[in-house]
C-alpha atoms as a PDB file:
ATOM      1  CA  LYS A   1      -4.152 -25.178  -3.560  1.00  0.00           C
ATOM      2  CA  LEU A   2      -1.087 -24.527  -1.402  1.00  0.00           C
ATOM      3  CA  ASN A   3       1.000 -27.256   0.192  1.00  0.00           C
ATOM      4  CA  LEU A   4       2.382 -26.978   3.740  1.00  0.00           C
ATOM      5  CA  LYS A   5       5.695 -25.321   2.770  1.00  0.00           C
ATOM      6  CA  GLN A   6       3.887 -22.777   0.593  1.00  0.00           C
ATOM      7  CA  LYS A   7       1.462 -21.978   3.427  1.00  0.00           C
ATOM      8  CA  GLN A   8       4.389 -21.414   5.808  1.00  0.00           C
ATOM      9  CA  TYR A   9       6.196 -19.219   3.261  1.00  0.00           C
ATOM     10  CA  VAL A  10       3.090 -17.092   2.662  1.00  0.00           C
ATOM     11  CA  GLN A  11       3.066 -16.274   6.404  1.00  0.00           C
ATOM     12  CA  THR A  12       6.533 -14.627   6.231  1.00  0.00           C
ATOM     13  CA  PRO A  13       6.801 -10.889   5.336  1.00  0.00           C
ATOM     14  CA  LEU A  14       8.506 -11.608   2.011  1.00  0.00           C
ATOM     15  CA  GLY A  15       6.026 -14.402   1.309  1.00  0.00           C
ATOM     16  CA  LYS A  16       3.050 -12.108   1.933  1.00  0.00           C
ATOM     17  CA  ILE A  17       4.372  -9.538  -0.516  1.00  0.00           C
ATOM     18  CA  SER A  18       5.228 -12.221  -3.070  1.00  0.00           C
ATOM     19  CA  HIS A  19       1.760 -13.752  -2.732  1.00  0.00           C
ATOM     20  CA  LYS A  20       0.065 -10.367  -3.208  1.00  0.00           C
ATOM     21  CA  ASN A  21       2.144  -9.709  -6.319  1.00  0.00           C
ATOM     22  CA  THR A  22       1.245 -13.133  -7.688  1.00  0.00           C
ATOM     23  CA  GLN A  23      -2.449 -12.446  -7.145  1.00  0.00           C
ATOM     24  CA  HIS A  24      -2.174  -9.231  -9.173  1.00  0.00           C
ATOM     25  CA  ARG A  25       0.046 -10.621 -11.936  1.00  0.00           C
ATOM     26  CA  ARG A  26      -2.622 -10.303 -14.659  1.00  0.00           C
ATOM     27  CA  ARG A  27      -3.317  -6.664 -13.820  1.00  0.00           C
ATOM     28  CA  LEU A  28       0.354  -5.813 -13.507  1.00  0.00           C
ATOM     29  CA  ALA A  29       1.176  -7.441 -16.842  1.00  0.00           C
ATOM     30  CA  LEU A  30      -1.023  -4.870 -18.563  1.00  0.00           C
ATOM     31  CA  LYS A  31       0.632  -1.882 -16.919  1.00  0.00           C
ATOM     32  CA  ASN A  32       4.251  -0.890 -16.636  1.00  0.00           C
ATOM     33  CA  SER A  33       5.516  -1.307 -13.097  1.00  0.00           C
ATOM     34  CA  ASP A  34       8.875  -0.347 -11.634  1.00  0.00           C
ATOM     35  CA  ILE A  35       8.135  -2.013  -8.293  1.00  0.00           C
ATOM     36  CA  THR A  36      10.110  -5.050  -7.161  1.00  0.00           C
ATOM     37  CA  ILE A  37       9.451  -7.332  -4.220  1.00  0.00           C
ATOM     38  CA  GLN A  38      12.679  -6.116  -2.606  1.00  0.00           C
ATOM     39  CA  TRP A  39      11.573  -2.471  -2.924  1.00  0.00           C
ATOM     40  CA  LEU A  40       8.148  -3.306  -1.448  1.00  0.00           C
ATOM     41  CA  LEU A  41       9.754  -5.133   1.468  1.00  0.00           C
ATOM     42  CA  LYS A  42      12.007  -2.123   2.115  1.00  0.00           C
ATOM     43  CA  LEU A  43       8.982   0.211   1.945  1.00  0.00           C
ATOM     44  CA  TYR A  44       7.049  -1.976   4.428  1.00  0.00           C
ATOM     45  CA  ASN A  45      10.008  -2.107   6.823  1.00  0.00           C
ATOM     46  CA  GLU A  46      10.682   1.647   6.688  1.00  0.00           C
ATOM     47  CA  SER A  47       7.050   2.678   7.134  1.00  0.00           C
ATOM     48  CA  MET A  48       6.450   3.143  10.842  1.00  0.00           C
ATOM     49  CA  PHE A  49       3.646   5.736  10.929  1.00  0.00           C
ATOM     50  CA  CYS A  50       0.551   6.166   8.770  1.00  0.00           C
ATOM     51  CA  LEU A  51       0.957   9.103   6.399  1.00  0.00           C
ATOM     52  CA  LEU A  52      -2.709  10.087   6.807  1.00  0.00           C
ATOM     53  CA  CYS A  53      -3.450   9.728  10.537  1.00  0.00           C
ATOM     54  CA  ASN A  54       0.091   9.455  11.956  1.00  0.00           C
ATOM     55  CA  ILE A  55      -0.722   6.328  14.007  1.00  0.00           C
ATOM     56  CA  ASN A  56       2.073   3.873  14.822  1.00  0.00           C
ATOM     57  CA  MET A  57       1.593   0.908  12.451  1.00  0.00           C
ATOM     58  CA  VAL A  58       2.212  -2.816  13.022  1.00  0.00           C
ATOM     59  CA  ASP A  59       3.151  -5.491  10.489  1.00  0.00           C
ATOM     60  CA  ASP A  60      -0.109  -7.470  10.787  1.00  0.00           C
ATOM     61  CA  GLY A  61      -2.309  -6.116   7.986  1.00  0.00           C
ATOM     62  CA  ASN A  62      -5.458  -7.544   9.599  1.00  0.00           C
ATOM     63  CA  LEU A  63      -5.261  -5.216  12.607  1.00  0.00           C
ATOM     64  CA  PRO A  64      -6.782  -1.710  12.404  1.00  0.00           C
ATOM     65  CA  ASN A  65      -3.299  -0.165  12.588  1.00  0.00           C
ATOM     66  CA  GLY A  66      -1.760  -2.783  10.282  1.00  0.00           C
ATOM     67  CA  LYS A  67       0.252  -1.811   7.220  1.00  0.00           C
ATOM     68  CA  HIS A  68      -1.585  -1.714   3.871  1.00  0.00           C
ATOM     69  CA  LEU A  69      -0.263  -0.916   0.423  1.00  0.00           C
ATOM     70  CA  ASP A  70      -2.254   1.985  -1.012  1.00  0.00           C
ATOM     71  CA  HIS A  71      -2.369   3.436  -4.512  1.00  0.00           C
ATOM     72  CA  LYS A  72      -2.669   7.229  -4.293  1.00  0.00           C
ATOM     73  CA  ILE A  73      -4.529   7.199  -7.612  1.00  0.00           C
ATOM     74  CA  PRO A  74      -6.485   3.912  -7.545  1.00  0.00           C
ATOM     75  CA  LEU A  75      -5.815   1.333 -10.261  1.00  0.00           C
ATOM     76  CA  CYS A  76      -9.538   1.186 -11.060  1.00  0.00           C
ATOM     77  CA  ILE A  77      -9.490   4.797 -12.303  1.00  0.00           C
ATOM     78  CA  GLY A  78      -6.260   4.582 -14.271  1.00  0.00           C
ATOM     79  CA  GLY A  79      -3.573   4.823 -11.589  1.00  0.00           C
ATOM     80  CA  THR A  80      -0.357   2.900 -12.103  1.00  0.00           C
ATOM     81  CA  HIS A  81       1.429   0.354  -9.944  1.00  0.00           C
ATOM     82  CA  THR A  82       4.616   2.430  -9.780  1.00  0.00           C
ATOM     83  CA  MET A  83       6.855   3.744  -7.002  1.00  0.00           C
ATOM     84  CA  VAL A  84       5.441   7.268  -7.225  1.00  0.00           C
ATOM     85  CA  ASN A  85       1.852   6.059  -6.884  1.00  0.00           C
ATOM     86  CA  VAL A  86       2.128   3.668  -3.920  1.00  0.00           C
ATOM     87  CA  ARG A  87       2.492   4.276  -0.213  1.00  0.00           C
ATOM     88  CA  ILE A  88       2.002   2.390   3.025  1.00  0.00           C
ATOM     89  CA  ILE A  89      -0.870   3.573   5.207  1.00  0.00           C
ATOM     90  CA  CYS A  90      -2.800   1.940   8.038  1.00  0.00           C
ATOM     91  CA  ARG A  91      -5.633  -0.474   7.319  1.00  0.00           C
ATOM     92  CA  THR A  92      -8.252   1.884   8.762  1.00  0.00           C
ATOM     93  CA  CYS A  93      -7.260   4.770   6.483  1.00  0.00           C
ATOM     94  CA  ASN A  94      -6.927   2.515   3.427  1.00  0.00           C
ATOM     95  CA  LEU A  95     -10.374   0.973   3.860  1.00  0.00           C
ATOM     96  CA  ARG A  96     -11.880   4.400   4.564  1.00  0.00           C
ATOM     97  CA  ARG A  97     -10.583   5.907   1.302  1.00  0.00           C
ATOM     98  CA  PRO A  98     -13.135   6.165  -1.527  1.00  0.00           C
ATOM     99  CA  LYS A  99     -12.550   3.799  -4.447  1.00  0.00           C
ATOM    100  CA  ASP A 100     -12.739   6.645  -6.977  1.00  0.00           C
ATOM    101  CA  GLY A 101      -9.758   8.484  -5.482  1.00  0.00           C
ATOM    102  CA  SER A 102     -11.806  11.633  -4.895  1.00  0.00           C
ATOM    103  CA  ASP A 103      -9.941  12.301  -1.641  1.00  0.00           C
ATOM    104  CA  ASN A 104      -6.691  12.697  -3.585  1.00  0.00           C
ATOM    105  CA  SER A 105      -7.539  16.089  -5.047  1.00  0.00           C
ATOM    106  CA  PRO A 106      -5.243  19.006  -4.183  1.00  0.00           C
ATOM    107  CA  LYS A 107      -6.205  20.491  -0.860  1.00  0.00           C
ATOM    108  CA  GLN A 108      -6.136  24.119   0.157  1.00  0.00           C
ATOM    109  CA  ILE A 109      -3.032  24.814   2.215  1.00  0.00           C
ATOM    110  CA  PRO A 110      -3.777  27.341   4.953  1.00  0.00           C
ATOM    111  CA  LEU A 111      -1.543  30.366   4.908  1.00  0.00           C
ATOM    112  CA  LEU A 112       0.376  31.183   8.037  1.00  0.00           C
ATOM    113  CA  ILE A 113       0.656  34.907   8.509  1.00  0.00           C
ATOM    114  CA  LEU A 114       3.372  36.005  10.895  1.00  0.00           C
ATOM    115  CA  VAL A 115       2.970  39.396  12.510  1.00  0.00           C
END
């Protein structure tokens, strides 16, 4: 149970990230991770637009356009909690993604033919 100071700290941006990392400590202990709280905070602050739908994101993760940490290859199918496997996308896109990561397969890139 959290006391009043802890509840106030968890509401700050750094506190939210720290709390999320604490919740996943057991899972992270089993896998090698190169992510620090400072790096996550920098990633959150620098991410302005969703990489999937290009919507302008806000800091409140409970809103549809709120920032969510996403694993490109989900942890449940063997993805790692590393810098190359995480990104910030909007809540709507993150909750819409399939849990098996099937949307992360290489896509066909259309060729542009100039005449």
